[in-house]
């Protein structure tokens, strides 16, 4: 009887700590209007067991979107905003990669943006959520259209409460983002806003 009580207590503590961790993420993201840091992106391909790596800096502007300033291997800026996904090349040329007229790509872009900004409603509309033994959050797609594009998404949380690592799996391999948040602030300047115009 005592062992059963101890086991129940252990399960309750594990469950409560999981709730606290998830609540901490949400409060951290809701309080910060602007997150800045550096990142590394790894694209891994199952077929040839090769990977491609890029790195640089990023910022997440709450209510606007995400900017990726790729430094290596080739400089570019990728902007995931409310209306479209665009890229600014080193020569200053801006290319629209996708806009709201491409429904599938738009849906995927909004889901990815929702994960980086931890927009819980948008994520829960499209994914079922579980946790692994390391308290990483695992999202699996609910609908068949998403299942054709991705198998699952794994999210690892830093001790500070920010998303530190995201792995998006598909049938060809995975894309992994490793992020280090260096700044969290409550003001979005015109310098950040200009990317989303």
C-alpha atoms as a PDB file:
ATOM      1  CA  UNK A   1       0.000   0.000   0.000  1.00  0.00           C
ATOM      2  CA  UNK A   2       2.828   2.377   0.872  1.00  0.00           C
ATOM      3  CA  UNK A   3       4.556   1.619  -2.466  1.00  0.00           C
ATOM      4  CA  UNK A   4       1.366   2.436  -4.368  1.00  0.00           C
ATOM      5  CA  UNK A   5       1.068   5.750  -2.499  1.00  0.00           C
ATOM      6  CA  UNK A   6       4.698   6.639  -3.293  1.00  0.00           C
ATOM      7  CA  UNK A   7       4.165   5.714  -6.953  1.00  0.00           C
ATOM      8  CA  UNK A   8       1.040   7.903  -7.111  1.00  0.00           C
ATOM      9  CA  UNK A   9       2.958  10.783  -5.539  1.00  0.00           C
ATOM     10  CA  UNK A  10       5.773  10.377  -8.067  1.00  0.00           C
ATOM     11  CA  UNK A  11       3.297  10.405 -10.978  1.00  0.00           C
ATOM     12  CA  UNK A  12       1.558  13.485  -9.563  1.00  0.00           C
ATOM     13  CA  UNK A  13       4.872  15.359  -9.163  1.00  0.00           C
ATOM     14  CA  UNK A  14       5.890  14.433 -12.727  1.00  0.00           C
ATOM     15  CA  UNK A  15       2.507  15.597 -14.067  1.00  0.00           C
ATOM     16  CA  UNK A  16       2.612  18.894 -12.132  1.00  0.00           C
ATOM     17  CA  UNK A  17       6.201  19.622 -13.203  1.00  0.00           C
ATOM     18  CA  UNK A  18       5.182  19.061 -16.845  1.00  0.00           C
ATOM     19  CA  UNK A  19       2.286  21.500 -16.489  1.00  0.00           C
ATOM     20  CA  UNK A  20       4.593  24.051 -14.858  1.00  0.00           C
ATOM     21  CA  UNK A  21       7.157  23.711 -17.646  1.00  0.00           C
ATOM     22  CA  UNK A  22       4.565  24.248 -20.374  1.00  0.00           C
ATOM     23  CA  UNK A  23       3.020  27.174 -18.462  1.00  0.00           C
ATOM     24  CA  UNK A  24       6.495  28.705 -18.079  1.00  0.00           C
ATOM     25  CA  UNK A  25       7.057  28.620 -21.832  1.00  0.00           C
ATOM     26  CA  UNK A  26       3.785  30.352 -22.526  1.00  0.00           C
ATOM     27  CA  UNK A  27       4.360  33.115 -19.976  1.00  0.00           C
ATOM     28  CA  UNK A  28       7.907  33.741 -21.215  1.00  0.00           C
ATOM     29  CA  UNK A  29       6.728  34.120 -24.800  1.00  0.00           C
ATOM     30  CA  UNK A  30       3.654  36.170 -23.955  1.00  0.00           C
ATOM     31  CA  UNK A  31       5.710  38.607 -21.867  1.00  0.00           C
ATOM     32  CA  UNK A  32       8.479  39.100 -24.447  1.00  0.00           C
ATOM     33  CA  UNK A  33       7.597  41.268 -27.443  1.00  0.00           C
ATOM     34  CA  UNK A  34      11.001  40.635 -29.019  1.00  0.00           C
ATOM     35  CA  UNK A  35      13.422  37.713 -28.809  1.00  0.00           C
ATOM     36  CA  UNK A  36      16.866  37.834 -30.426  1.00  0.00           C
ATOM     37  CA  UNK A  37      19.626  35.299 -30.634  1.00  0.00           C
ATOM     38  CA  UNK A  38      21.706  33.047 -32.813  1.00  0.00           C
ATOM     39  CA  UNK A  39      20.761  29.804 -34.497  1.00  0.00           C
ATOM     40  CA  UNK A  40      22.002  26.808 -36.391  1.00  0.00           C
ATOM     41  CA  UNK A  41      19.819  24.954 -38.897  1.00  0.00           C
ATOM     42  CA  UNK A  42      20.597  21.388 -39.963  1.00  0.00           C
ATOM     43  CA  UNK A  43      18.842  19.711 -42.895  1.00  0.00           C
ATOM     44  CA  UNK A  44      19.372  15.942 -42.783  1.00  0.00           C
ATOM     45  CA  UNK A  45      18.524  13.676 -45.729  1.00  0.00           C
ATOM     46  CA  UNK A  46      17.789   9.977 -45.054  1.00  0.00           C
ATOM     47  CA  UNK A  47      18.494   8.792 -48.600  1.00  0.00           C
ATOM     48  CA  UNK A  48      22.161   9.748 -48.784  1.00  0.00           C
ATOM     49  CA  UNK A  49      22.800  10.231 -45.049  1.00  0.00           C
ATOM     50  CA  UNK A  50      24.057  13.759 -45.696  1.00  0.00           C
ATOM     51  CA  UNK A  51      23.320  17.003 -43.948  1.00  0.00           C
ATOM     52  CA  UNK A  52      23.451  20.666 -44.839  1.00  0.00           C
ATOM     53  CA  UNK A  53      24.123  23.276 -42.156  1.00  0.00           C
ATOM     54  CA  UNK A  54      23.453  26.994 -42.032  1.00  0.00           C
ATOM     55  CA  UNK A  55      23.770  29.475 -39.189  1.00  0.00           C
ATOM     56  CA  UNK A  56      23.284  33.079 -38.251  1.00  0.00           C
ATOM     57  CA  UNK A  57      21.069  35.298 -36.123  1.00  0.00           C
ATOM     58  CA  UNK A  58      17.310  35.566 -35.684  1.00  0.00           C
ATOM     59  CA  UNK A  59      14.641  37.665 -34.088  1.00  0.00           C
ATOM     60  CA  UNK A  60      11.035  36.859 -33.254  1.00  0.00           C
ATOM     61  CA  UNK A  61       8.737  39.883 -33.114  1.00  0.00           C
ATOM     62  CA  UNK A  62       5.458  39.071 -31.377  1.00  0.00           C
ATOM     63  CA  UNK A  63       2.563  39.906 -33.713  1.00  0.00           C
ATOM     64  CA  UNK A  64       4.849  40.323 -36.741  1.00  0.00           C
ATOM     65  CA  UNK A  65       6.834  37.133 -37.371  1.00  0.00           C
ATOM     66  CA  UNK A  66      10.362  35.777 -37.570  1.00  0.00           C
ATOM     67  CA  UNK A  67      13.504  36.976 -39.370  1.00  0.00           C
ATOM     68  CA  UNK A  68      16.442  34.650 -40.034  1.00  0.00           C
ATOM     69  CA  UNK A  69      19.722  36.424 -40.875  1.00  0.00           C
ATOM     70  CA  UNK A  70      21.765  33.611 -42.404  1.00  0.00           C
ATOM     71  CA  UNK A  71      25.511  34.270 -42.257  1.00  0.00           C
ATOM     72  CA  UNK A  72      26.874  30.860 -43.344  1.00  0.00           C
ATOM     73  CA  UNK A  73      27.205  29.279 -45.843  1.00  0.00           C
ATOM     74  CA  UNK A  74      25.719  32.173 -47.836  1.00  0.00           C
ATOM     75  CA  UNK A  75      24.256  35.435 -46.577  1.00  0.00           C
ATOM     76  CA  UNK A  76      20.521  36.023 -46.895  1.00  0.00           C
ATOM     77  CA  UNK A  77      17.547  37.149 -44.838  1.00  0.00           C
ATOM     78  CA  UNK A  78      14.387  35.028 -44.632  1.00  0.00           C
ATOM     79  CA  UNK A  79      11.230  36.656 -43.303  1.00  0.00           C
ATOM     80  CA  UNK A  80       8.198  34.685 -42.131  1.00  0.00           C
ATOM     81  CA  UNK A  81       5.490  37.304 -41.665  1.00  0.00           C
ATOM     82  CA  UNK A  82       1.717  37.367 -41.409  1.00  0.00           C
ATOM     83  CA  UNK A  83       1.188  37.834 -45.165  1.00  0.00           C
ATOM     84  CA  UNK A  84       4.056  35.961 -46.789  1.00  0.00           C
ATOM     85  CA  UNK A  85       7.453  34.334 -46.625  1.00  0.00           C
ATOM     86  CA  UNK A  86      10.140  36.304 -48.386  1.00  0.00           C
ATOM     87  CA  UNK A  87      13.891  36.322 -48.820  1.00  0.00           C
ATOM     88  CA  UNK A  88      16.267  39.249 -49.186  1.00  0.00           C
ATOM     89  CA  UNK A  89      19.348  38.301 -51.177  1.00  0.00           C
ATOM     90  CA  UNK A  90      22.825  39.851 -50.610  1.00  0.00           C
ATOM     91  CA  UNK A  91      22.230  42.239 -53.544  1.00  0.00           C
ATOM     92  CA  UNK A  92      19.138  43.640 -51.760  1.00  0.00           C
ATOM     93  CA  UNK A  93      16.610  41.938 -54.068  1.00  0.00           C
ATOM     94  CA  UNK A  94      13.486  40.775 -52.233  1.00  0.00           C
ATOM     95  CA  UNK A  95      11.792  37.589 -53.448  1.00  0.00           C
ATOM     96  CA  UNK A  96       8.395  36.377 -52.267  1.00  0.00           C
ATOM     97  CA  UNK A  97       8.710  32.632 -51.639  1.00  0.00           C
ATOM     98  CA  UNK A  98       5.075  32.143 -50.693  1.00  0.00           C
ATOM     99  CA  UNK A  99       2.027  34.197 -49.954  1.00  0.00           C
ATOM    100  CA  UNK A 100      -1.526  33.625 -48.822  1.00  0.00           C
ATOM    101  CA  UNK A 101      -2.533  32.431 -52.338  1.00  0.00           C
ATOM    102  CA  UNK A 102      -0.562  29.168 -51.841  1.00  0.00           C
ATOM    103  CA  UNK A 103      -2.793  27.549 -49.216  1.00  0.00           C
ATOM    104  CA  UNK A 104      -0.639  24.502 -48.399  1.00  0.00           C
ATOM    105  CA  UNK A 105       2.647  26.384 -48.111  1.00  0.00           C
ATOM    106  CA  UNK A 106       0.900  29.132 -46.173  1.00  0.00           C
ATOM    107  CA  UNK A 107      -0.518  26.606 -43.714  1.00  0.00           C
ATOM    108  CA  UNK A 108       2.909  25.042 -43.150  1.00  0.00           C
ATOM    109  CA  UNK A 109       4.558  28.445 -42.752  1.00  0.00           C
ATOM    110  CA  UNK A 110       1.927  29.520 -40.220  1.00  0.00           C
ATOM    111  CA  UNK A 111       2.374  26.297 -38.260  1.00  0.00           C
ATOM    112  CA  UNK A 112       6.151  26.710 -38.164  1.00  0.00           C
ATOM    113  CA  UNK A 113       5.761  30.352 -37.123  1.00  0.00           C
ATOM    114  CA  UNK A 114       3.229  29.284 -34.472  1.00  0.00           C
ATOM    115  CA  UNK A 115       5.716  26.792 -33.040  1.00  0.00           C
ATOM    116  CA  UNK A 116       8.554  29.325 -32.854  1.00  0.00           C
ATOM    117  CA  UNK A 117       6.261  31.889 -31.206  1.00  0.00           C
ATOM    118  CA  UNK A 118       4.450  29.211 -29.160  1.00  0.00           C
ATOM    119  CA  UNK A 119       0.985  30.167 -30.346  1.00  0.00           C
ATOM    120  CA  UNK A 120      -0.758  27.374 -28.444  1.00  0.00           C
ATOM    121  CA  UNK A 121      -4.145  27.720 -30.142  1.00  0.00           C
ATOM    122  CA  UNK A 122      -2.747  27.441 -33.670  1.00  0.00           C
ATOM    123  CA  UNK A 123      -0.546  24.493 -32.686  1.00  0.00           C
ATOM    124  CA  UNK A 124      -3.351  22.598 -30.921  1.00  0.00           C
ATOM    125  CA  UNK A 125      -5.696  23.088 -33.884  1.00  0.00           C
ATOM    126  CA  UNK A 126      -3.320  21.086 -36.094  1.00  0.00           C
ATOM    127  CA  UNK A 127      -1.404  18.759 -33.748  1.00  0.00           C
ATOM    128  CA  UNK A 128      -1.795  16.270 -30.929  1.00  0.00           C
ATOM    129  CA  UNK A 129       0.665  16.914 -28.092  1.00  0.00           C
ATOM    130  CA  UNK A 130       2.584  14.413 -25.949  1.00  0.00           C
ATOM    131  CA  UNK A 131       5.805  14.462 -23.920  1.00  0.00           C
ATOM    132  CA  UNK A 132       8.759  12.107 -24.058  1.00  0.00           C
ATOM    133  CA  UNK A 133      10.803  10.822 -21.111  1.00  0.00           C
ATOM    134  CA  UNK A 134      13.055  13.925 -21.263  1.00  0.00           C
ATOM    135  CA  UNK A 135      10.041  16.276 -21.060  1.00  0.00           C
ATOM    136  CA  UNK A 136      10.468  17.302 -24.683  1.00  0.00           C
ATOM    137  CA  UNK A 137       7.183  18.223 -26.320  1.00  0.00           C
ATOM    138  CA  UNK A 138       6.178  16.039 -29.282  1.00  0.00           C
ATOM    139  CA  UNK A 139       3.585  17.217 -31.798  1.00  0.00           C
ATOM    140  CA  UNK A 140       2.032  14.824 -34.329  1.00  0.00           C
ATOM    141  CA  UNK A 141      -0.205  16.089 -37.147  1.00  0.00           C
ATOM    142  CA  UNK A 142      -3.964  15.610 -36.824  1.00  0.00           C
ATOM    143  CA  UNK A 143      -4.962  15.836 -40.487  1.00  0.00           C
ATOM    144  CA  UNK A 144      -3.884  13.828 -43.527  1.00  0.00           C
ATOM    145  CA  UNK A 145      -2.605  16.842 -45.484  1.00  0.00           C
ATOM    146  CA  UNK A 146      -0.096  17.659 -42.741  1.00  0.00           C
ATOM    147  CA  UNK A 147       0.845  13.982 -42.339  1.00  0.00           C
ATOM    148  CA  UNK A 148       1.955  13.968 -46.000  1.00  0.00           C
ATOM    149  CA  UNK A 149       4.369  16.815 -45.257  1.00  0.00           C
ATOM    150  CA  UNK A 150       5.632  16.042 -41.753  1.00  0.00           C
ATOM    151  CA  UNK A 151       5.687  13.062 -39.376  1.00  0.00           C
ATOM    152  CA  UNK A 152       6.240  14.870 -36.094  1.00  0.00           C
ATOM    153  CA  UNK A 153       7.820  17.869 -34.425  1.00  0.00           C
ATOM    154  CA  UNK A 154      10.005  17.621 -31.320  1.00  0.00           C
ATOM    155  CA  UNK A 155      10.560  20.675 -29.139  1.00  0.00           C
ATOM    156  CA  UNK A 156      13.211  20.970 -26.431  1.00  0.00           C
ATOM    157  CA  UNK A 157      12.919  23.735 -23.848  1.00  0.00           C
ATOM    158  CA  UNK A 158      15.865  25.590 -22.337  1.00  0.00           C
ATOM    159  CA  UNK A 159      16.239  26.025 -18.582  1.00  0.00           C
ATOM    160  CA  UNK A 160      15.239  29.666 -19.078  1.00  0.00           C
ATOM    161  CA  UNK A 161      11.899  28.645 -20.590  1.00  0.00           C
ATOM    162  CA  UNK A 162      12.531  29.391 -24.266  1.00  0.00           C
ATOM    163  CA  UNK A 163      12.372  26.953 -27.146  1.00  0.00           C
ATOM    164  CA  UNK A 164      15.956  25.848 -27.630  1.00  0.00           C
ATOM    165  CA  UNK A 165      15.677  23.073 -30.221  1.00  0.00           C
ATOM    166  CA  UNK A 166      13.044  22.171 -32.798  1.00  0.00           C
ATOM    167  CA  UNK A 167      13.213  19.080 -34.995  1.00  0.00           C
ATOM    168  CA  UNK A 168      10.693  18.727 -37.815  1.00  0.00           C
ATOM    169  CA  UNK A 169      10.628  15.177 -39.225  1.00  0.00           C
ATOM    170  CA  UNK A 170       9.352  14.201 -42.660  1.00  0.00           C
ATOM    171  CA  UNK A 171       9.697  11.116 -44.852  1.00  0.00           C
ATOM    172  CA  UNK A 172      12.945  12.435 -46.407  1.00  0.00           C
ATOM    173  CA  UNK A 173      14.731  13.283 -43.141  1.00  0.00           C
ATOM    174  CA  UNK A 174      14.446  16.217 -40.766  1.00  0.00           C
ATOM    175  CA  UNK A 175      15.136  19.897 -40.273  1.00  0.00           C
ATOM    176  CA  UNK A 176      16.590  20.884 -36.926  1.00  0.00           C
ATOM    177  CA  UNK A 177      16.782  24.397 -35.471  1.00  0.00           C
ATOM    178  CA  UNK A 178      19.074  25.005 -32.499  1.00  0.00           C
ATOM    179  CA  UNK A 179      18.457  28.426 -30.995  1.00  0.00           C
ATOM    180  CA  UNK A 180      20.227  30.429 -28.325  1.00  0.00           C
ATOM    181  CA  UNK A 181      18.139  33.363 -27.087  1.00  0.00           C
ATOM    182  CA  UNK A 182      20.459  36.222 -26.127  1.00  0.00           C
ATOM    183  CA  UNK A 183      17.901  38.986 -25.636  1.00  0.00           C
ATOM    184  CA  UNK A 184      14.261  39.236 -24.558  1.00  0.00           C
ATOM    185  CA  UNK A 185      12.618  42.656 -24.603  1.00  0.00           C
ATOM    186  CA  UNK A 186       9.286  44.411 -24.514  1.00  0.00           C
ATOM    187  CA  UNK A 187       9.739  46.832 -27.407  1.00  0.00           C
ATOM    188  CA  UNK A 188       9.774  46.192 -31.142  1.00  0.00           C
ATOM    189  CA  UNK A 189      11.598  49.011 -32.905  1.00  0.00           C
ATOM    190  CA  UNK A 190      11.038  50.390 -36.406  1.00  0.00           C
ATOM    191  CA  UNK A 191      14.258  48.597 -37.391  1.00  0.00           C
ATOM    192  CA  UNK A 192      12.579  45.224 -36.724  1.00  0.00           C
ATOM    193  CA  UNK A 193       9.162  46.242 -38.082  1.00  0.00           C
ATOM    194  CA  UNK A 194      10.571  47.275 -41.471  1.00  0.00           C
ATOM    195  CA  UNK A 195      11.192  43.645 -42.443  1.00  0.00           C
ATOM    196  CA  UNK A 196       7.467  42.862 -42.317  1.00  0.00           C
ATOM    197  CA  UNK A 197       6.264  45.777 -44.487  1.00  0.00           C
END
